[in-house]
Amino acid sequence: MNSAEEIRNSIIDQLLTISNKEYLKAIFEIINNSKKEGEKIQLSDAQIAMLNMSEEDIKKNRLISQEDLDESDLKWLESQ
């Protein structure tokens, strides 16, 4: 991986597969504590597009509860 964006996207891809709440909290704390106060974060075009798609899903009520998502994840994991 050469660019910061490629590294960032790889990390995001890996984060999306983590379901352990405590592990995610620890990662969140590391990231949260490493930000400089008042620092603006530059989002990539892909990140902006994903946020816009999320907003559209919310507006159209295309939502799933965390409980249903967890159940779906378990079924998927058991099938692997």
PDB file of N, CA and C in Angstrom:
ATOM      1  N   MET A   1       0.844  -1.177   0.000  1.00  0.00           N
ATOM      2  CA  MET A   1       0.000   0.000   0.000  1.00  0.00           C
ATOM      3  C   MET A   1       0.884   1.233   0.000  1.00  0.00           C
ATOM      4  N   ASN A   2       0.561   2.105  -0.916  1.00  0.00           N
ATOM      5  CA  ASN A   2       1.421   3.261  -1.061  1.00  0.00           C
ATOM      6  C   ASN A   2       0.829   4.535  -0.478  1.00  0.00           C
ATOM      7  N   SER A   3      -0.432   4.745  -0.669  1.00  0.00           N
ATOM      8  CA  SER A   3      -1.003   6.028  -0.253  1.00  0.00           C
ATOM      9  C   SER A   3      -1.729   5.902   1.088  1.00  0.00           C
ATOM     10  N   ALA A   4      -1.866   7.051   1.725  1.00  0.00           N
ATOM     11  CA  ALA A   4      -2.602   7.095   2.988  1.00  0.00           C
ATOM     12  C   ALA A   4      -4.042   6.655   2.780  1.00  0.00           C
ATOM     13  N   GLU A   5      -4.621   7.004   1.636  1.00  0.00           N
ATOM     14  CA  GLU A   5      -6.004   6.625   1.363  1.00  0.00           C
ATOM     15  C   GLU A   5      -6.150   5.108   1.246  1.00  0.00           C
ATOM     16  N   GLU A   6      -5.189   4.446   0.615  1.00  0.00           N
ATOM     17  CA  GLU A   6      -5.239   2.982   0.497  1.00  0.00           C
ATOM     18  C   GLU A   6      -5.133   2.329   1.869  1.00  0.00           C
ATOM     19  N   ILE A   7      -4.254   2.845   2.692  1.00  0.00           N
ATOM     20  CA  ILE A   7      -4.105   2.305   4.054  1.00  0.00           C
ATOM     21  C   ILE A   7      -5.387   2.531   4.847  1.00  0.00           C
ATOM     22  N   ARG A   8      -5.929   3.753   4.758  1.00  0.00           N
ATOM     23  CA  ARG A   8      -7.170   4.086   5.476  1.00  0.00           C
ATOM     24  C   ARG A   8      -8.308   3.168   5.035  1.00  0.00           C
ATOM     25  N   ASN A   9      -8.450   2.972   3.729  1.00  0.00           N
ATOM     26  CA  ASN A   9      -9.532   2.116   3.225  1.00  0.00           C
ATOM     27  C   ASN A   9      -9.355   0.672   3.666  1.00  0.00           C
ATOM     28  N   SER A  10      -8.119   0.208   3.729  1.00  0.00           N
ATOM     29  CA  SER A  10      -7.853  -1.152   4.201  1.00  0.00           C
ATOM     30  C   SER A  10      -8.250  -1.303   5.671  1.00  0.00           C
ATOM     31  N   ILE A  11      -7.910  -0.295   6.463  1.00  0.00           N
ATOM     32  CA  ILE A  11      -8.280  -0.322   7.891  1.00  0.00           C
ATOM     33  C   ILE A  11      -9.794  -0.327   8.033  1.00  0.00           C
ATOM     34  N   ILE A  12     -10.481   0.514   7.257  1.00  0.00           N
ATOM     35  CA  ILE A  12     -11.944   0.579   7.310  1.00  0.00           C
ATOM     36  C   ILE A  12     -12.547  -0.768   6.947  1.00  0.00           C
ATOM     37  N   ASP A  13     -12.031  -1.391   5.895  1.00  0.00           N
ATOM     38  CA  ASP A  13     -12.526  -2.712   5.488  1.00  0.00           C
ATOM     39  C   ASP A  13     -12.387  -3.718   6.625  1.00  0.00           C
ATOM     40  N   GLN A  14     -11.253  -3.680   7.306  1.00  0.00           N
ATOM     41  CA  GLN A  14     -11.027  -4.616   8.407  1.00  0.00           C
ATOM     42  C   GLN A  14     -11.915  -4.293   9.595  1.00  0.00           C
ATOM     43  N   LEU A  15     -12.118  -3.008   9.885  1.00  0.00           N
ATOM     44  CA  LEU A  15     -12.980  -2.613  10.999  1.00  0.00           C
ATOM     45  C   LEU A  15     -14.415  -3.092  10.806  1.00  0.00           C
ATOM     46  N   LEU A  16     -14.870  -3.098   9.567  1.00  0.00           N
ATOM     47  CA  LEU A  16     -16.240  -3.512   9.287  1.00  0.00           C
ATOM     48  C   LEU A  16     -16.493  -4.981   9.621  1.00  0.00           C
ATOM     49  N   THR A  17     -15.431  -5.763   9.759  1.00  0.00           N
ATOM     50  CA  THR A  17     -15.595  -7.185  10.065  1.00  0.00           C
ATOM     51  C   THR A  17     -15.534  -7.476  11.564  1.00  0.00           C
ATOM     52  N   ILE A  18     -15.203  -6.483  12.374  1.00  0.00           N
ATOM     53  CA  ILE A  18     -15.048  -6.682  13.817  1.00  0.00           C
ATOM     54  C   ILE A  18     -16.393  -6.512  14.513  1.00  0.00           C
ATOM     55  N   SER A  19     -16.759  -7.482  15.333  1.00  0.00           N
ATOM     56  CA  SER A  19     -18.014  -7.379  16.072  1.00  0.00           C
ATOM     57  C   SER A  19     -17.801  -7.325  17.591  1.00  0.00           C
ATOM     58  N   ASN A  20     -16.569  -7.516  18.042  1.00  0.00           N
ATOM     59  CA  ASN A  20     -16.264  -7.476  19.467  1.00  0.00           C
ATOM     60  C   ASN A  20     -16.324  -6.035  19.968  1.00  0.00           C
ATOM     61  N   LYS A  21     -17.317  -5.753  20.806  1.00  0.00           N
ATOM     62  CA  LYS A  21     -17.578  -4.397  21.267  1.00  0.00           C
ATOM     63  C   LYS A  21     -16.394  -3.813  22.036  1.00  0.00           C
ATOM     64  N   GLU A  22     -15.777  -4.584  22.902  1.00  0.00           N
ATOM     65  CA  GLU A  22     -14.657  -4.084  23.701  1.00  0.00           C
ATOM     66  C   GLU A  22     -13.449  -3.757  22.825  1.00  0.00           C
ATOM     67  N   TYR A  23     -13.210  -4.587  21.840  1.00  0.00           N
ATOM     68  CA  TYR A  23     -12.112  -4.355  20.903  1.00  0.00           C
ATOM     69  C   TYR A  23     -12.350  -3.069  20.128  1.00  0.00           C
ATOM     70  N   LEU A  24     -13.589  -2.876  19.657  1.00  0.00           N
ATOM     71  CA  LEU A  24     -13.933  -1.663  18.926  1.00  0.00           C
ATOM     72  C   LEU A  24     -13.820  -0.424  19.814  1.00  0.00           C
ATOM     73  N   LYS A  25     -14.220  -0.545  21.080  1.00  0.00           N
ATOM     74  CA  LYS A  25     -14.084   0.573  22.013  1.00  0.00           C
ATOM     75  C   LYS A  25     -12.620   0.965  22.172  1.00  0.00           C
ATOM     76  N   ALA A  26     -11.747  -0.029  22.281  1.00  0.00           N
ATOM     77  CA  ALA A  26     -10.314   0.236  22.442  1.00  0.00           C
ATOM     78  C   ALA A  26      -9.759   0.951  21.210  1.00  0.00           C
ATOM     79  N   ILE A  27     -10.142   0.490  20.044  1.00  0.00           N
ATOM     80  CA  ILE A  27      -9.700   1.139  18.801  1.00  0.00           C
ATOM     81  C   ILE A  27     -10.224   2.567  18.753  1.00  0.00           C
ATOM     82  N   PHE A  28     -11.476   2.749  19.129  1.00  0.00           N
ATOM     83  CA  PHE A  28     -12.074   4.081  19.150  1.00  0.00           C
ATOM     84  C   PHE A  28     -11.284   5.015  20.056  1.00  0.00           C
ATOM     85  N   GLU A  29     -10.932   4.543  21.233  1.00  0.00           N
ATOM     86  CA  GLU A  29     -10.168   5.364  22.177  1.00  0.00           C
ATOM     87  C   GLU A  29      -8.807   5.745  21.609  1.00  0.00           C
ATOM     88  N   ILE A  30      -8.135   4.808  20.963  1.00  0.00           N
ATOM     89  CA  ILE A  30      -6.833   5.097  20.360  1.00  0.00           C
ATOM     90  C   ILE A  30      -6.985   6.200  19.313  1.00  0.00           C
ATOM     91  N   ILE A  31      -7.980   6.053  18.456  1.00  0.00           N
ATOM     92  CA  ILE A  31      -8.194   7.043  17.398  1.00  0.00           C
ATOM     93  C   ILE A  31      -8.620   8.381  17.989  1.00  0.00           C
ATOM     94  N   ASN A  32      -9.542   8.320  18.927  1.00  0.00           N
ATOM     95  CA  ASN A  32     -10.063   9.545  19.530  1.00  0.00           C
ATOM     96  C   ASN A  32      -8.971  10.325  20.250  1.00  0.00           C
ATOM     97  N   ASN A  33      -8.065   9.622  20.925  1.00  0.00           N
ATOM     98  CA  ASN A  33      -7.006  10.284  21.674  1.00  0.00           C
ATOM     99  C   ASN A  33      -5.868  10.775  20.778  1.00  0.00           C
ATOM    100  N   SER A  34      -5.824  10.310  19.556  1.00  0.00           N
ATOM    101  CA  SER A  34      -4.734  10.712  18.672  1.00  0.00           C
ATOM    102  C   SER A  34      -5.076  11.936  17.822  1.00  0.00           C
ATOM    103  N   LYS A  35      -6.338  12.351  17.819  1.00  0.00           N
ATOM    104  CA  LYS A  35      -6.746  13.514  17.033  1.00  0.00           C
ATOM    105  C   LYS A  35      -6.258  14.787  17.699  1.00  0.00           C
ATOM    106  N   LYS A  36      -5.855  15.725  16.887  1.00  0.00           N
ATOM    107  CA  LYS A  36      -5.492  17.038  17.390  1.00  0.00           C
ATOM    108  C   LYS A  36      -6.771  17.850  17.547  1.00  0.00           C
ATOM    109  N   GLU A  37      -6.830  18.625  18.605  1.00  0.00           N
ATOM    110  CA  GLU A  37      -8.008  19.436  18.882  1.00  0.00           C
ATOM    111  C   GLU A  37      -8.246  20.415  17.738  1.00  0.00           C
ATOM    112  N   GLY A  38      -9.476  20.436  17.239  1.00  0.00           N
ATOM    113  CA  GLY A  38      -9.843  21.363  16.184  1.00  0.00           C
ATOM    114  C   GLY A  38      -9.395  20.951  14.794  1.00  0.00           C
ATOM    115  N   GLU A  39      -8.759  19.793  14.691  1.00  0.00           N
ATOM    116  CA  GLU A  39      -8.278  19.321  13.394  1.00  0.00           C
ATOM    117  C   GLU A  39      -9.452  18.893  12.520  1.00  0.00           C
ATOM    118  N   LYS A  40      -9.465  19.388  11.287  1.00  0.00           N
ATOM    119  CA  LYS A  40     -10.505  18.980  10.350  1.00  0.00           C
ATOM    120  C   LYS A  40     -10.050  17.720   9.636  1.00  0.00           C
ATOM    121  N   ILE A  41     -10.995  16.821   9.448  1.00  0.00           N
ATOM    122  CA  ILE A  41     -10.705  15.560   8.773  1.00  0.00           C
ATOM    123  C   ILE A  41     -11.179  15.676   7.337  1.00  0.00           C
ATOM    124  N   GLN A  42     -10.297  15.371   6.413  1.00  0.00           N
ATOM    125  CA  GLN A  42     -10.637  15.413   4.993  1.00  0.00           C
ATOM    126  C   GLN A  42     -11.180  14.050   4.574  1.00  0.00           C
ATOM    127  N   LEU A  43     -12.415  14.021   4.127  1.00  0.00           N
ATOM    128  CA  LEU A  43     -13.031  12.779   3.676  1.00  0.00           C
ATOM    129  C   LEU A  43     -12.757  12.573   2.193  1.00  0.00           C
ATOM    130  N   SER A  44     -12.593  11.312   1.824  1.00  0.00           N
ATOM    131  CA  SER A  44     -12.406  10.987   0.406  1.00  0.00           C
ATOM    132  C   SER A  44     -13.764  11.044  -0.295  1.00  0.00           C
ATOM    133  N   ASP A  45     -13.730  11.064  -1.621  1.00  0.00           N
ATOM    134  CA  ASP A  45     -14.976  11.042  -2.385  1.00  0.00           C
ATOM    135  C   ASP A  45     -15.789   9.792  -2.064  1.00  0.00           C
ATOM    136  N   ALA A  46     -15.107   8.663  -1.882  1.00  0.00           N
ATOM    137  CA  ALA A  46     -15.795   7.407  -1.571  1.00  0.00           C
ATOM    138  C   ALA A  46     -16.478   7.492  -0.206  1.00  0.00           C
ATOM    139  N   GLN A  47     -15.824   8.105   0.778  1.00  0.00           N
ATOM    140  CA  GLN A  47     -16.417   8.241   2.102  1.00  0.00           C
ATOM    141  C   GLN A  47     -17.637   9.157   2.065  1.00  0.00           C
ATOM    142  N   ILE A  48     -17.531  10.242   1.317  1.00  0.00           N
ATOM    143  CA  ILE A  48     -18.668  11.158   1.178  1.00  0.00           C
ATOM    144  C   ILE A  48     -19.831  10.447   0.500  1.00  0.00           C
ATOM    145  N   ALA A  49     -19.536   9.661  -0.525  1.00  0.00           N
ATOM    146  CA  ALA A  49     -20.588   8.907  -1.221  1.00  0.00           C
ATOM    147  C   ALA A  49     -21.259   7.916  -0.271  1.00  0.00           C
ATOM    148  N   MET A  50     -20.467   7.233   0.562  1.00  0.00           N
ATOM    149  CA  MET A  50     -21.039   6.271   1.518  1.00  0.00           C
ATOM    150  C   MET A  50     -21.935   6.983   2.533  1.00  0.00           C
ATOM    151  N   LEU A  51     -21.498   8.139   3.016  1.00  0.00           N
ATOM    152  CA  LEU A  51     -22.315   8.901   3.963  1.00  0.00           C
ATOM    153  C   LEU A  51     -23.617   9.360   3.309  1.00  0.00           C
ATOM    154  N   ASN A  52     -23.546   9.793   2.060  1.00  0.00           N
ATOM    155  CA  ASN A  52     -24.757  10.202   1.346  1.00  0.00           C
ATOM    156  C   ASN A  52     -25.707   9.024   1.152  1.00  0.00           C
ATOM    157  N   MET A  53     -25.157   7.843   0.836  1.00  0.00           N
ATOM    158  CA  MET A  53     -26.005   6.654   0.692  1.00  0.00           C
ATOM    159  C   MET A  53     -26.646   6.290   2.026  1.00  0.00           C
ATOM    160  N   SER A  54     -25.903   6.451   3.107  1.00  0.00           N
ATOM    161  CA  SER A  54     -26.452   6.170   4.443  1.00  0.00           C
ATOM    162  C   SER A  54     -27.605   7.112   4.760  1.00  0.00           C
ATOM    163  N   GLU A  55     -27.426   8.379   4.453  1.00  0.00           N
ATOM    164  CA  GLU A  55     -28.501   9.358   4.679  1.00  0.00           C
ATOM    165  C   GLU A  55     -29.749   8.996   3.877  1.00  0.00           C
ATOM    166  N   GLU A  56     -29.539   8.561   2.646  1.00  0.00           N
ATOM    167  CA  GLU A  56     -30.663   8.160   1.795  1.00  0.00           C
ATOM    168  C   GLU A  56     -31.370   6.931   2.377  1.00  0.00           C
ATOM    169  N   ASP A  57     -30.585   5.970   2.880  1.00  0.00           N
ATOM    170  CA  ASP A  57     -31.178   4.787   3.520  1.00  0.00           C
ATOM    171  C   ASP A  57     -32.020   5.182   4.720  1.00  0.00           C
ATOM    172  N   ILE A  58     -31.527   6.121   5.512  1.00  0.00           N
ATOM    173  CA  ILE A  58     -32.271   6.577   6.691  1.00  0.00           C
ATOM    174  C   ILE A  58     -33.574   7.240   6.260  1.00  0.00           C
ATOM    175  N   LYS A  59     -33.501   8.110   5.263  1.00  0.00           N
ATOM    176  CA  LYS A  59     -34.693   8.806   4.786  1.00  0.00           C
ATOM    177  C   LYS A  59     -35.749   7.826   4.276  1.00  0.00           C
ATOM    178  N   LYS A  60     -35.315   6.745   3.634  1.00  0.00           N
ATOM    179  CA  LYS A  60     -36.241   5.770   3.059  1.00  0.00           C
ATOM    180  C   LYS A  60     -36.521   4.612   4.011  1.00  0.00           C
ATOM    181  N   ASN A  61     -36.090   4.755   5.261  1.00  0.00           N
ATOM    182  CA  ASN A  61     -36.334   3.774   6.319  1.00  0.00           C
ATOM    183  C   ASN A  61     -35.797   2.389   5.969  1.00  0.00           C
ATOM    184  N   ARG A  62     -34.681   2.342   5.275  1.00  0.00           N
ATOM    185  CA  ARG A  62     -34.020   1.071   4.964  1.00  0.00           C
ATOM    186  C   ARG A  62     -33.012   0.805   6.080  1.00  0.00           C
ATOM    187  N   LEU A  63     -33.542   0.365   7.205  1.00  0.00           N
ATOM    188  CA  LEU A  63     -32.741   0.181   8.411  1.00  0.00           C
ATOM    189  C   LEU A  63     -32.858  -1.244   8.916  1.00  0.00           C
ATOM    190  N   ILE A  64     -31.880  -1.642   9.735  1.00  0.00           N
ATOM    191  CA  ILE A  64     -31.912  -2.950  10.378  1.00  0.00           C
ATOM    192  C   ILE A  64     -31.436  -2.751  11.819  1.00  0.00           C
ATOM    193  N   SER A  65     -32.076  -3.434  12.741  1.00  0.00           N
ATOM    194  CA  SER A  65     -31.685  -3.290  14.139  1.00  0.00           C
ATOM    195  C   SER A  65     -30.348  -3.998  14.371  1.00  0.00           C
ATOM    196  N   GLN A  66     -29.650  -3.573  15.408  1.00  0.00           N
ATOM    197  CA  GLN A  66     -28.377  -4.203  15.743  1.00  0.00           C
ATOM    198  C   GLN A  66     -28.589  -5.680  16.053  1.00  0.00           C
ATOM    199  N   GLU A  67     -29.695  -5.989  16.719  1.00  0.00           N
ATOM    200  CA  GLU A  67     -30.008  -7.379  17.061  1.00  0.00           C
ATOM    201  C   GLU A  67     -30.179  -8.229  15.796  1.00  0.00           C
ATOM    202  N   ASP A  68     -30.919  -7.728  14.831  1.00  0.00           N
ATOM    203  CA  ASP A  68     -31.109  -8.451  13.571  1.00  0.00           C
ATOM    204  C   ASP A  68     -29.796  -8.590  12.803  1.00  0.00           C
ATOM    205  N   LEU A  69     -28.991  -7.540  12.841  1.00  0.00           N
ATOM    206  CA  LEU A  69     -27.700  -7.588  12.167  1.00  0.00           C
ATOM    207  C   LEU A  69     -26.789  -8.626  12.809  1.00  0.00           C
ATOM    208  N   ASP A  70     -26.760  -8.644  14.137  1.00  0.00           N
ATOM    209  CA  ASP A  70     -25.949  -9.637  14.849  1.00  0.00           C
ATOM    210  C   ASP A  70     -26.392 -11.063  14.504  1.00  0.00           C
ATOM    211  N   GLU A  71     -27.705 -11.279  14.461  1.00  0.00           N
ATOM    212  CA  GLU A  71     -28.241 -12.597  14.121  1.00  0.00           C
ATOM    213  C   GLU A  71     -27.843 -12.993  12.701  1.00  0.00           C
ATOM    214  N   SER A  72     -27.946 -12.051  11.790  1.00  0.00           N
ATOM    215  CA  SER A  72     -27.552 -12.299  10.403  1.00  0.00           C
ATOM    216  C   SER A  72     -26.056 -12.618  10.308  1.00  0.00           C
ATOM    217  N   ASP A  73     -25.248 -11.872  11.055  1.00  0.00           N
ATOM    218  CA  ASP A  73     -23.798 -12.138  11.071  1.00  0.00           C
ATOM    219  C   ASP A  73     -23.492 -13.536  11.590  1.00  0.00           C
ATOM    220  N   LEU A  74     -24.169 -13.939  12.648  1.00  0.00           N
ATOM    221  CA  LEU A  74     -23.944 -15.268  13.202  1.00  0.00           C
ATOM    222  C   LEU A  74     -24.303 -16.361  12.202  1.00  0.00           C
ATOM    223  N   LYS A  75     -25.433 -16.197  11.521  1.00  0.00           N
ATOM    224  CA  LYS A  75     -25.834 -17.173  10.510  1.00  0.00           C
ATOM    225  C   LYS A  75     -24.781 -17.253   9.407  1.00  0.00           C
ATOM    226  N   TRP A  76     -24.291 -16.092   8.996  1.00  0.00           N
ATOM    227  CA  TRP A  76     -23.288 -16.062   7.943  1.00  0.00           C
ATOM    228  C   TRP A  76     -21.999 -16.738   8.409  1.00  0.00           C
ATOM    229  N   LEU A  77     -21.579 -16.421   9.635  1.00  0.00           N
ATOM    230  CA  LEU A  77     -20.353 -17.036  10.159  1.00  0.00           C
ATOM    231  C   LEU A  77     -20.473 -18.543  10.291  1.00  0.00           C
ATOM    232  N   GLU A  78     -21.635 -19.012  10.705  1.00  0.00           N
ATOM    233  CA  GLU A  78     -21.847 -20.452  10.851  1.00  0.00           C
ATOM    234  C   GLU A  78     -21.828 -21.168   9.502  1.00  0.00           C
ATOM    235  N   SER A  79     -22.163 -20.463   8.438  1.00  0.00           N
ATOM    236  CA  SER A  79     -22.185 -21.081   7.120  1.00  0.00           C
ATOM    237  C   SER A  79     -20.805 -21.121   6.452  1.00  0.00           C
ATOM    238  N   GLN A  80     -19.840 -20.463   7.060  1.00  0.00           N
ATOM    239  CA  GLN A  80     -18.485 -20.404   6.460  1.00  0.00           C
ATOM    240  C   GLN A  80     -17.657 -21.609   6.811  1.00  0.00           C
TER     241      GLN A  80
END
